[in-house]
Protein backbone atom coordinates (compact mmCIF):
# COMPACT_ATOMS: atom_id res chain seq x y z
CA MET A 1 -12.98 -6.24 -43.17
CA ASP A 2 -16.06 -4.02 -43.69
CA THR A 3 -16.96 -1.00 -41.58
CA ALA A 4 -19.64 -2.84 -39.56
CA THR A 5 -17.21 -5.63 -38.65
CA THR A 6 -14.54 -3.11 -37.63
CA GLU A 7 -17.01 -1.21 -35.45
CA SER A 8 -18.17 -4.46 -33.85
CA ALA A 9 -14.58 -5.47 -33.08
CA THR A 10 -13.89 -2.03 -31.60
CA LEU A 11 -16.96 -2.28 -29.36
CA ALA A 12 -15.91 -5.79 -28.25
CA ASP A 13 -12.39 -4.56 -27.43
CA GLY A 14 -13.86 -1.68 -25.43
CA ALA A 15 -16.12 -4.03 -23.46
CA ARG A 16 -13.23 -6.39 -22.65
CA ARG A 17 -11.09 -3.48 -21.51
CA ARG A 18 -13.84 -2.14 -19.26
CA TRP A 19 -14.36 -5.57 -17.75
CA THR A 20 -10.62 -6.02 -17.18
CA THR A 21 -10.41 -2.60 -15.53
CA ALA A 22 -13.41 -3.33 -13.29
CA VAL A 23 -12.01 -6.73 -12.28
CA ALA A 24 -8.57 -5.23 -11.55
CA ALA A 25 -10.03 -2.35 -9.52
CA LEU A 26 -12.24 -4.62 -7.40
CA SER A 27 -9.32 -7.01 -6.91
CA CYS A 28 -7.03 -4.19 -5.76
CA PHE A 29 -9.75 -3.04 -3.38
CA LEU A 30 -10.27 -6.52 -1.92
CA MET A 31 -6.58 -7.43 -1.54
CA THR A 32 -5.71 -4.09 0.09
CA LEU A 33 -8.79 -4.15 2.30
CA ASP A 34 -7.54 -7.27 4.05
CA VAL A 35 -4.45 -5.37 5.18
CA THR A 36 -6.45 -2.95 7.37
CA VAL A 37 -9.89 -4.48 7.89
CA VAL A 38 -8.67 -6.96 10.52
CA ASN A 39 -7.36 -4.35 12.99
CA VAL A 40 -10.75 -3.40 14.38
CA ALA A 41 -11.72 -7.06 14.91
CA LEU A 42 -8.71 -7.91 17.11
CA PRO A 43 -10.55 -7.54 20.46
CA GLU A 44 -13.27 -9.96 19.33
CA ILE A 45 -10.68 -12.40 17.96
CA GLN A 46 -8.77 -12.24 21.25
CA SER A 47 -11.90 -12.96 23.25
CA ASP A 48 -13.17 -15.77 21.00
CA LEU A 49 -9.87 -17.59 20.43
CA ASP A 50 -8.15 -16.64 23.72
CA ALA A 51 -5.28 -15.25 21.64
CA SER A 52 -2.16 -13.65 23.11
CA LEU A 53 -0.93 -10.19 22.12
CA ASP A 54 1.79 -11.76 19.95
CA SER A 55 -0.81 -13.91 18.20
CA LEU A 56 -2.96 -10.86 17.47
CA GLN A 57 0.04 -9.06 15.96
CA TRP A 58 0.75 -12.07 13.78
CA THR A 59 -2.88 -12.22 12.70
CA VAL A 60 -2.30 -8.85 11.06
CA ASN A 61 1.32 -9.28 10.01
CA ALA A 62 1.12 -12.81 8.55
CA TYR A 63 -0.93 -11.48 5.65
CA VAL A 64 1.18 -8.34 5.20
CA LEU A 65 4.50 -10.20 5.29
CA ALA A 66 3.50 -12.94 2.83
CA PHE A 67 1.86 -10.34 0.58
CA ALA A 68 4.83 -7.96 0.54
CA ALA A 69 7.53 -10.62 0.24
CA LEU A 70 6.05 -12.23 -2.89
CA LEU A 71 4.99 -9.20 -4.94
CA LEU A 72 8.27 -8.76 -6.81
CA THR A 73 8.58 -12.46 -7.61
CA VAL A 74 4.98 -12.67 -8.81
CA GLY A 75 5.35 -9.56 -10.94
CA SER A 76 8.44 -10.92 -12.63
CA LEU A 77 6.94 -14.38 -13.18
CA SER A 78 3.93 -12.75 -14.82
CA ASP A 79 6.24 -11.59 -17.60
CA ARG A 80 7.05 -15.23 -18.38
CA TYR A 81 3.81 -17.08 -17.82
CA SER A 82 0.11 -16.45 -18.34
CA ARG A 83 -0.88 -13.47 -16.23
CA ARG A 84 -4.52 -14.49 -16.37
CA SER A 85 -3.73 -17.97 -15.03
CA LEU A 86 -1.64 -16.59 -12.17
CA PHE A 87 -4.42 -14.10 -11.40
CA LEU A 88 -7.09 -16.81 -11.31
CA ALA A 89 -4.87 -19.03 -9.13
CA GLY A 90 -4.44 -16.13 -6.73
CA LEU A 91 -8.19 -15.50 -6.50
CA ALA A 92 -8.79 -19.20 -5.79
CA VAL A 93 -6.09 -19.32 -3.08
CA PHE A 94 -7.34 -16.09 -1.50
CA SER A 95 -10.97 -17.28 -1.44
CA VAL A 96 -10.12 -20.69 0.05
CA ALA A 97 -7.83 -19.10 2.63
CA SER A 98 -10.61 -16.65 3.57
CA ALA A 99 -12.87 -19.63 4.25
CA LEU A 100 -10.14 -21.16 6.41
CA CYS A 101 -9.81 -17.88 8.34
CA MET A 102 -13.56 -17.77 8.87
CA THR A 103 -13.67 -21.32 10.25
CA ALA A 104 -10.45 -21.14 12.32
CA ARG A 105 -10.89 -22.41 15.87
CA SER A 106 -7.46 -21.44 17.21
CA ASP A 107 -5.12 -18.51 16.87
CA THR A 108 -2.49 -20.76 15.24
CA ALA A 109 -4.93 -21.89 12.55
CA LEU A 110 -6.00 -18.30 11.91
CA ILE A 111 -2.40 -17.09 11.53
CA ALA A 112 -1.57 -19.92 9.12
CA ALA A 113 -4.67 -19.18 7.05
CA ARG A 114 -3.79 -15.47 6.98
CA ALA A 115 -0.34 -16.31 5.59
CA VAL A 116 -1.92 -18.40 2.82
CA GLN A 117 -4.33 -15.54 2.20
CA GLY A 118 -1.30 -13.26 1.74
CA VAL A 119 0.11 -15.63 -0.90
CA GLY A 120 -3.16 -15.42 -2.81
CA GLY A 121 -3.23 -11.65 -2.40
CA ALA A 122 0.27 -11.34 -3.85
CA LEU A 123 -0.67 -13.50 -6.87
CA VAL A 124 -3.69 -11.29 -7.53
CA PHE A 125 -2.18 -7.88 -6.81
CA GLY A 126 1.08 -8.73 -8.57
CA THR A 127 -0.67 -9.55 -11.83
CA CYS A 128 -3.87 -7.48 -12.01
CA LEU A 129 -2.21 -4.26 -13.22
CA ALA A 130 -0.18 -6.17 -15.79
CA LEU A 131 -3.49 -7.64 -17.01
CA VAL A 132 -4.75 -4.09 -17.48
CA ALA A 133 -1.58 -3.20 -19.42
CA ASP A 134 -2.19 -6.23 -21.67
CA ALA A 135 -5.84 -5.32 -22.24
CA TYR A 136 -4.90 -1.83 -23.46
CA ILE A 137 -2.23 -2.89 -25.93
CA GLY A 138 -3.04 -1.01 -29.14
CA ALA A 139 -5.15 1.57 -27.31
CA ALA A 140 -4.17 5.13 -26.50
CA GLU A 141 -1.70 5.36 -23.63
CA GLU A 142 -4.03 7.79 -21.89
CA MET A 143 -6.72 5.09 -21.71
CA ARG A 144 -4.33 2.64 -20.09
CA ARG A 145 -3.14 5.22 -17.58
CA LYS A 146 -6.72 6.00 -16.54
CA ALA A 147 -7.46 2.29 -16.09
CA VAL A 148 -4.35 1.64 -13.99
CA GLY A 149 -5.04 4.81 -12.00
CA ALA A 150 -8.58 3.64 -11.24
CA ALA A 151 -7.29 0.32 -9.91
CA ILE A 152 -4.63 1.96 -7.75
CA ALA A 153 -7.14 4.49 -6.40
CA ALA A 154 -9.46 1.62 -5.47
CA GLY A 155 -6.65 0.01 -3.48
CA ALA A 156 -5.84 3.26 -1.69
CA ALA A 157 -9.52 3.79 -0.85
CA ALA A 158 -9.69 0.28 0.60
CA ALA A 159 -6.77 1.01 2.91
CA ALA A 160 -8.52 4.13 4.22
CA LEU A 161 -11.98 2.55 4.44
CA GLY A 162 -10.78 -0.67 6.08
CA PRO A 163 -11.53 0.41 9.67
CA LEU A 164 -15.02 1.59 8.71
CA ILE A 165 -15.89 -1.56 6.77
CA GLY A 166 -14.36 -3.82 9.42
CA GLY A 167 -16.13 -1.99 12.23
CA GLY A 168 -19.44 -2.22 10.41
CA LEU A 169 -19.08 -5.96 9.74
CA VAL A 170 -18.06 -6.76 13.31
CA GLN A 171 -20.84 -4.60 14.74
CA ALA A 172 -23.44 -6.21 12.47
CA GLY A 173 -22.26 -9.78 12.95
CA SER A 174 -18.98 -11.17 14.25
CA TRP A 175 -15.28 -11.11 13.42
CA GLN A 176 -15.79 -14.03 11.03
CA TRP A 177 -17.79 -11.74 8.75
CA ILE A 178 -14.68 -9.80 7.70
CA PHE A 179 -13.41 -13.01 6.08
CA ALA A 180 -16.77 -14.42 4.95
CA VAL A 181 -17.44 -11.40 2.74
CA ASN A 182 -14.31 -12.22 0.69
CA ILE A 183 -15.69 -15.53 -0.52
CA PRO A 184 -18.65 -14.42 -2.69
CA ILE A 185 -16.62 -11.48 -4.03
CA GLY A 186 -13.77 -13.85 -4.91
CA VAL A 187 -16.18 -16.18 -6.73
CA VAL A 188 -17.66 -13.26 -8.69
CA LEU A 189 -14.17 -12.13 -9.70
CA ILE A 190 -13.21 -15.63 -10.83
CA VAL A 191 -16.36 -15.97 -12.97
CA ALA A 192 -15.91 -12.48 -14.43
CA THR A 193 -12.27 -13.20 -15.27
CA VAL A 194 -13.06 -16.50 -16.96
CA LEU A 195 -15.91 -15.03 -19.01
CA ARG A 196 -14.80 -11.47 -19.71
CA VAL A 197 -11.03 -11.05 -19.28
CA PRO A 198 -9.19 -12.32 -22.36
CA THR A 199 -5.91 -14.19 -22.46
CA VAL A 200 -3.31 -12.08 -24.23
CA GLU A 201 -0.70 -13.99 -26.18
CA ARG A 202 2.72 -12.39 -25.78
CA ALA A 203 6.29 -13.41 -26.23
CA PRO A 204 8.01 -13.84 -22.85
CA ALA A 205 10.17 -10.92 -21.79
CA ILE A 206 13.14 -13.13 -21.04
CA ASP A 207 14.35 -16.26 -22.78
CA GLY A 208 15.88 -19.15 -20.91
CA ALA A 209 15.36 -20.62 -17.47
CA VAL A 210 13.57 -18.83 -14.68
CA ASP A 211 15.87 -17.07 -12.22
CA ARG A 212 14.88 -19.52 -9.47
CA VAL A 213 17.67 -18.51 -7.13
CA GLY A 214 16.69 -14.85 -7.47
CA ALA A 215 13.01 -15.72 -6.99
CA VAL A 216 13.79 -17.46 -3.70
CA LEU A 217 16.48 -15.04 -2.56
CA VAL A 218 14.36 -11.89 -3.00
CA VAL A 219 11.67 -13.26 -0.68
CA VAL A 220 14.11 -13.46 2.24
CA PRO A 221 15.15 -9.77 2.44
CA LEU A 222 11.61 -8.56 1.76
CA PHE A 223 10.14 -10.83 4.45
CA THR A 224 12.83 -10.14 7.04
CA ALA A 225 12.85 -6.37 6.36
CA ASN A 226 9.08 -6.14 6.81
CA TYR A 227 9.22 -8.43 9.85
CA GLY A 228 12.06 -6.47 11.46
CA LEU A 229 10.39 -3.11 10.89
CA LEU A 230 6.95 -4.21 12.10
CA THR A 231 8.24 -6.19 15.09
CA GLY A 232 10.73 -3.51 16.08
CA ALA A 233 7.97 -0.92 16.16
CA ASP A 234 5.84 -3.21 18.35
CA SER A 235 8.41 -4.91 20.60
CA GLY A 236 11.46 -2.65 20.67
CA TRP A 237 14.54 -2.35 18.50
CA GLY A 238 16.88 -4.03 20.93
CA GLN A 239 15.14 -7.41 20.65
CA PRO A 240 17.52 -10.11 19.29
CA LYS A 241 14.89 -11.26 16.79
CA VAL A 242 14.60 -7.73 15.40
CA ILE A 243 18.36 -7.24 15.09
CA ALA A 244 18.70 -10.68 13.46
CA ALA A 245 15.88 -10.00 11.00
CA LEU A 246 17.27 -6.64 9.86
CA THR A 247 20.81 -8.06 9.60
CA ILE A 248 19.56 -10.92 7.43
CA ALA A 249 17.57 -8.45 5.31
CA VAL A 250 20.67 -6.34 4.60
CA ALA A 251 22.89 -9.37 3.88
CA THR A 252 20.46 -11.21 1.62
CA GLY A 253 19.35 -7.99 -0.06
CA SER A 254 22.95 -7.25 -0.97
CA GLY A 255 23.31 -10.81 -2.25
CA PHE A 256 20.19 -10.42 -4.39
CA VAL A 257 21.48 -7.19 -5.97
CA TRP A 258 24.84 -8.85 -6.71
CA LEU A 259 23.13 -11.86 -8.29
CA GLU A 260 20.80 -9.77 -10.42
CA LEU A 261 23.65 -7.60 -11.68
CA ARG A 262 25.49 -10.75 -12.78
CA ARG A 263 22.44 -12.23 -14.51
CA GLY A 264 21.79 -9.05 -16.51
CA GLY A 265 18.88 -9.44 -18.93
CA THR A 266 17.82 -12.82 -17.50
CA ALA A 267 17.47 -11.48 -13.97
CA LEU A 268 14.28 -11.67 -11.93
CA LEU A 269 14.48 -7.87 -11.64
CA ASP A 270 16.26 -5.97 -14.40
CA LEU A 271 18.21 -3.44 -12.32
CA GLY A 272 18.85 -1.51 -15.50
CA LEU A 273 15.34 -0.11 -15.11
CA PHE A 274 16.64 1.96 -12.21
CA ARG A 275 18.90 3.84 -14.60
CA ILE A 276 15.74 5.49 -15.93
CA PRO A 277 15.23 8.55 -13.68
CA THR A 278 11.43 8.38 -13.87
CA PHE A 279 11.34 4.69 -12.92
CA ALA A 280 13.64 5.23 -9.94
CA ALA A 281 11.61 8.27 -8.87
CA ALA A 282 8.35 6.29 -9.15
CA ILE A 283 9.66 3.59 -6.80
CA VAL A 284 10.96 6.18 -4.31
CA LEU A 285 7.74 8.20 -4.45
CA GLY A 286 5.56 5.12 -3.93
CA PHE A 287 7.63 4.22 -0.87
CA VAL A 288 7.61 7.78 0.50
CA VAL A 289 3.89 8.44 -0.06
CA ARG A 290 2.94 5.27 1.82
CA LEU A 291 5.47 6.02 4.56
CA LEU A 292 4.14 9.54 5.10
CA THR A 293 0.44 8.65 5.05
CA PHE A 294 -0.43 5.06 5.90
CA GLY A 295 2.58 4.94 8.22
CA ILE A 296 0.81 7.53 10.41
CA PHE A 297 -2.66 5.94 10.41
CA PRO A 298 -2.10 3.53 13.36
CA PHE A 299 -1.07 6.39 15.64
CA LEU A 300 -3.91 8.65 14.53
CA ILE A 301 -6.39 5.81 15.13
CA LEU A 302 -4.94 5.26 18.61
CA TRP A 303 -5.31 9.00 19.32
CA LEU A 304 -8.95 9.04 18.21
CA ALA A 305 -9.75 5.94 20.25
CA GLY A 306 -7.73 6.90 23.33
CA ALA A 307 -8.02 10.66 23.62
CA HIS A 308 -11.60 10.84 22.35
CA GLU A 309 -12.86 7.35 23.29
CA MET A 310 -14.12 6.54 19.81
CA SER A 311 -15.34 3.10 18.86
CA ALA A 312 -13.81 1.32 15.88
CA PHE A 313 -16.83 2.16 13.75
CA ARG A 314 -16.78 5.87 14.69
CA THR A 315 -13.05 5.96 13.97
CA GLY A 316 -13.75 4.49 10.55
CA LEU A 317 -16.37 7.14 9.94
CA VAL A 318 -13.85 9.87 10.76
CA LEU A 319 -11.35 8.37 8.32
CA THR A 320 -13.87 8.74 5.51
CA ALA A 321 -12.81 12.40 5.61
CA LEU A 322 -9.64 11.12 3.95
CA ALA A 323 -11.09 8.31 1.85
CA VAL A 324 -13.80 10.33 0.08
CA PRO A 325 -11.52 13.22 -1.05
CA LEU A 326 -8.95 10.62 -2.09
CA MET A 327 -11.39 8.86 -4.41
CA ILE A 328 -12.63 12.15 -5.87
CA ALA A 329 -9.13 13.54 -6.39
CA ALA A 330 -7.99 10.28 -7.99
CA GLY A 331 -10.49 10.94 -10.78
CA VAL A 332 -9.03 14.42 -11.25
CA GLY A 333 -5.37 13.38 -11.22
CA THR A 334 -5.22 11.96 -14.74
CA PRO A 335 -7.00 14.81 -16.60
CA LEU A 336 -4.99 17.33 -14.57
CA ALA A 337 -1.77 15.67 -15.72
CA ARG A 338 -2.88 16.10 -19.33
CA VAL A 339 -3.06 19.85 -18.77
CA ILE A 340 -0.01 20.57 -16.61
CA GLY A 341 2.09 17.40 -16.95
CA VAL A 342 2.73 14.49 -14.61
CA ALA A 343 5.69 16.09 -12.85
CA ARG A 344 3.75 19.23 -11.99
CA THR A 345 0.75 17.14 -10.90
CA MET A 346 2.89 14.99 -8.61
CA THR A 347 4.67 18.06 -7.25
CA LEU A 348 1.33 19.73 -6.53
CA ALA A 349 0.05 16.51 -4.93
CA MET A 350 3.05 16.36 -2.60
CA ILE A 351 2.71 20.05 -1.66
CA ILE A 352 -0.98 19.56 -0.80
CA THR A 353 -0.07 16.43 1.19
CA ALA A 354 2.60 18.40 3.05
CA ALA A 355 0.10 21.16 3.85
CA GLY A 356 -2.32 18.57 5.18
CA LEU A 357 0.32 16.94 7.35
CA PHE A 358 1.30 20.30 8.79
CA LEU A 359 -2.39 20.92 9.53
CA GLY A 360 -2.19 17.79 11.68
CA THR A 361 -0.23 19.82 14.22
CA LEU A 362 -3.47 21.64 15.09
CA ILE A 363 -4.81 18.64 17.01
CA ASP A 364 -5.22 19.00 20.75
CA GLY A 365 -5.94 16.13 23.10
CA THR A 366 -8.27 18.26 25.18
CA GLY A 367 -9.84 19.96 22.16
CA PRO A 368 -12.42 18.64 19.68
CA TRP A 369 -11.51 15.70 17.45
CA GLN A 370 -12.77 17.73 14.49
CA ALA A 371 -9.39 19.49 14.51
CA ALA A 372 -8.06 16.45 12.62
CA LEU A 373 -10.52 16.86 9.73
CA PRO A 374 -8.61 19.54 7.73
CA CYS A 375 -5.54 17.32 7.88
CA LEU A 376 -7.44 14.26 6.66
CA VAL A 377 -9.18 16.12 3.83
CA ALA A 378 -5.98 17.73 2.53
CA VAL A 379 -3.96 14.51 2.76
CA GLY A 380 -6.78 12.68 0.97
CA ILE A 381 -6.70 15.22 -1.87
CA GLY A 382 -2.92 15.06 -2.16
CA CYS A 383 -2.79 11.26 -2.12
CA GLY A 384 -5.69 11.06 -4.55
CA LEU A 385 -3.91 13.26 -7.08
CA ALA A 386 -0.73 11.20 -6.72
CA MET A 387 -2.06 7.64 -6.57
CA PRO A 388 -3.07 7.21 -10.24
CA HIS A 389 0.46 8.10 -11.32
CA LEU A 390 2.55 6.11 -8.84
CA MET A 391 2.09 2.87 -10.76
CA ASN A 392 1.67 4.43 -14.20
CA LEU A 393 5.04 6.13 -13.94
CA ALA A 394 6.80 2.80 -13.51
CA VAL A 395 4.81 1.04 -16.25
CA ASP A 396 5.12 3.96 -18.68
CA VAL A 397 8.91 3.82 -18.86
CA ALA A 398 9.36 0.03 -18.77
CA PRO A 399 9.29 -2.10 -21.93
CA PRO A 400 5.78 -3.55 -22.46
CA ASP A 401 7.04 -7.12 -22.00
CA LYS A 402 8.38 -6.16 -18.56
CA ALA A 403 5.18 -4.61 -17.26
CA GLY A 404 4.87 -7.32 -14.60
CA MET A 405 8.42 -6.73 -13.41
CA ALA A 406 7.84 -2.97 -13.25
CA THR A 407 4.54 -3.25 -11.38
CA GLY A 408 6.06 -5.85 -9.05
CA ALA A 409 8.85 -3.46 -8.10
CA ALA A 410 6.43 -0.54 -7.66
CA ASN A 411 3.97 -2.69 -5.69
CA THR A 412 6.71 -3.91 -3.36
CA ALA A 413 7.60 -0.33 -2.43
CA LEU A 414 4.10 0.28 -1.04
CA PRO A 415 3.94 -2.17 1.89
CA LEU A 416 7.62 -1.53 2.61
CA GLY A 417 6.79 2.17 2.88
CA THR A 418 3.92 1.46 5.27
CA ALA A 419 6.07 -0.80 7.45
CA ALA A 420 8.93 1.71 7.45
CA GLY A 421 6.53 4.52 8.36
CA VAL A 422 5.06 2.60 11.28
CA ALA A 423 8.59 1.78 12.47
CA LEU A 424 10.04 5.29 12.02
CA PHE A 425 7.11 7.17 13.50
CA GLY A 426 6.82 4.59 16.28
CA VAL A 427 10.36 5.47 17.34
CA VAL A 428 9.56 9.20 17.21
CA LEU A 429 6.36 8.77 19.24
CA SER A 430 8.00 6.50 21.81
CA SER A 431 10.91 8.87 22.35
CA ARG A 432 8.65 11.91 22.73
CA VAL A 433 6.25 10.16 25.12
CA ARG A 434 9.04 8.80 27.32
CA ALA A 435 10.79 12.18 27.43
CA GLU A 436 7.61 13.97 28.53
CA ILE A 437 6.71 11.36 31.14
CA ASP A 438 10.26 11.32 32.53
CA ALA A 439 10.20 15.12 32.74
CA GLU A 440 7.09 14.90 34.93
CA ALA A 441 8.92 12.62 37.39
CA VAL A 442 6.12 10.04 37.51
CA GLY A 443 8.17 7.71 39.71
CA ALA A 444 9.13 4.04 39.74
CA GLY A 445 6.30 3.03 37.43
CA ALA A 446 7.26 5.55 34.74
CA GLU A 447 8.43 2.96 32.22
CA ARG A 448 5.27 0.84 32.53
CA PHE A 449 3.14 3.95 32.30
CA ALA A 450 5.03 5.18 29.21
CA ALA A 451 4.68 1.77 27.53
CA ALA A 452 0.92 1.83 28.15
CA VAL A 453 0.62 5.35 26.74
CA ILE A 454 2.62 4.41 23.63
CA ALA A 455 0.20 1.50 23.12
CA GLY A 456 -2.66 4.02 23.07
CA ILE A 457 -4.01 3.52 26.62
CA LEU A 458 -4.75 7.14 27.47
CA ARG A 459 -7.55 6.95 30.06
CA TYR A 460 -6.84 6.22 33.76
CA PRO A 461 -8.68 6.46 37.09
CA SER A 462 -6.42 9.36 38.02
CA ALA A 463 -7.30 12.60 36.22
CA ALA A 464 -3.65 13.70 36.42
CA GLN A 465 -2.43 10.50 34.75
CA THR A 466 -5.08 10.80 32.04
CA GLU A 467 -4.10 14.40 31.34
CA LEU A 468 -0.40 13.51 31.16
CA ALA A 469 -1.04 10.47 28.93
CA ILE A 470 -3.16 12.41 26.44
CA SER A 471 -0.75 15.35 26.43
CA ALA A 472 2.34 13.18 25.87
CA PHE A 473 0.73 11.14 23.10
CA THR A 474 -0.68 14.23 21.38
CA HIS A 475 2.68 16.00 21.43
CA GLY A 476 4.32 12.91 19.97
CA LEU A 477 1.71 12.76 17.22
CA ARG A 478 2.21 16.44 16.42
CA LEU A 479 5.95 15.85 16.03
CA ILE A 480 5.19 12.99 13.64
CA PHE A 481 3.06 15.31 11.53
CA VAL A 482 5.85 17.90 11.37
CA LEU A 483 8.43 15.33 10.23
CA ALA A 484 6.00 13.81 7.72
CA GLY A 485 5.20 17.25 6.31
CA CYS A 486 8.91 17.92 5.76
CA GLY A 487 9.21 14.53 4.06
CA ALA A 488 6.32 15.37 1.73
CA LEU A 489 8.06 18.61 0.72
CA ALA A 490 11.18 16.56 -0.08
CA ALA A 491 8.99 14.27 -2.22
CA ALA A 492 7.71 17.35 -4.07
CA ILE A 493 11.30 18.26 -4.93
CA ILE A 494 11.97 14.70 -6.16
CA SER A 495 8.88 14.92 -8.37
CA ALA A 496 9.91 18.26 -9.85
CA LEU A 497 13.50 17.19 -10.58
CA LEU A 498 13.36 13.53 -11.62
CA LEU A 499 10.06 12.90 -13.39
CA ARG A 500 10.59 13.27 -17.14
CA ASN A 501 8.23 12.72 -20.03
CA VAL A 502 11.14 11.80 -22.32
CA ASP A 503 11.56 8.55 -20.34
CA ARG A 504 8.11 7.31 -21.44
CA ARG A 505 7.69 4.73 -24.19
CA ASP A 506 5.18 6.90 -26.04
CA SER A 507 7.26 10.09 -25.90
CA THR A 508 9.37 9.50 -29.02
CA PRO A 509 8.89 12.65 -31.10
CA ALA A 510 8.22 12.80 -34.78
CA THR A 511 11.11 13.86 -37.01
CA GLY A 512 12.03 17.47 -36.48
CA GLN A 513 10.22 17.74 -33.14
CA THR A 514 11.81 18.38 -29.79
CA PRO A 515 10.77 16.07 -26.95
CA THR A 516 9.19 17.72 -23.93
CA ASP A 517 9.41 16.67 -20.33
CA THR A 518 6.45 16.21 -18.00
CA ARG A 519 6.64 19.84 -16.94
CA GLY A 520 5.85 20.86 -20.51
CA ASN A 521 9.34 22.26 -21.04
CA PRO A 522 11.63 21.36 -23.98
């Protein structure tokens, strides 16, 4: 092959990789956006479809539950079958389901369409990062890490920008617009994938039959765990359906682990990956980062809307104070890791996140809402530095033919972390609000009043009730920030102790060299 032909092939490879990265990043953005964009449209949906409170909760959760429950299965299946085909199928399902959401004429039809949309989202999100890994086979590892980091950062930005985008679409049109916008973007992604994203031929990671029992069994604990956590936070932990869901999650989760240990190398999830310290730390960190950040968002949004009477669109604008620094810092995270190492970068990211969360204690219900801005900016910087590495850490240490399995496990930790955060901090907030209201001896209606305050209803005809509601909710939110800040410091310690460069596939030293860890130490 002459020089001109080699250069032409190199340019073609570069173009395909850029297209794959762009498609993956936009897909991550779109699939994650539909987790948060619906929240601000719930009042309009309720009015138009005469939906109950339970139906509105399921409008949000049907997508999240289907999405979270299928990620691990999709990731593992992508190691056996064509990732590109699964990705395209997911885009088609997501686009059709978005059209069904847009045209729904009842709350039941909307919930069903949202569940189907979640299936499509899982097929897309569970394969898009593995597609990136395929596209960068033969390229420098640093190039692949930057591409994966860009896609993950796009997803994180979508989660933060969801309220702003949703508020803008609803304000400009109607609630149907939040689903209608998915359709042309989905079509563009399908066309771009068909024309520009290549099919990579690879030997399957695992020989033999698909672990069908594992594929079905893993969905049950993931679905019931997410359902139990989300419903418990909304309806109370003593509800029989919550207790049953969490019990089933523990029982079936234990059964899944037992089955996968018996199947060994043919398992849906190779549990041997968790023997690698960096892989285990990546899963834990992904869970913790989501728990400590996106797990707080619902309560912060309620505070902005209730204490400061902000519209959905204004609330979204305020949250750009987190989203913009996050996107900027995400571009810095990868080059910074080249200089100081991944472990030090992640440790720094968690320390900055902790500082931001502690700054959240400066909020005051009677003071200006701008007191929340330092918290949002610092948390955005910390999350931005961390996000590019959360998925890369898992993929870096897994065998290339198990990239789908690794990303599936890492992806699954993210929505579980969000659900666990909402549940945990919901308990903290509820307890603090009830204690403060009980201490004020409100009277016979104290429980109803506390329940309304916990739901974010902070304005009342009585000035005394309004003052008590805002004070109780604000104190509860401050306590959440303190606990989250302590959790972020614990995550910094995990990063410093468990992340190791010697676990990476590309860290094998030349003869006579001593391997170095991610801190730059021998």
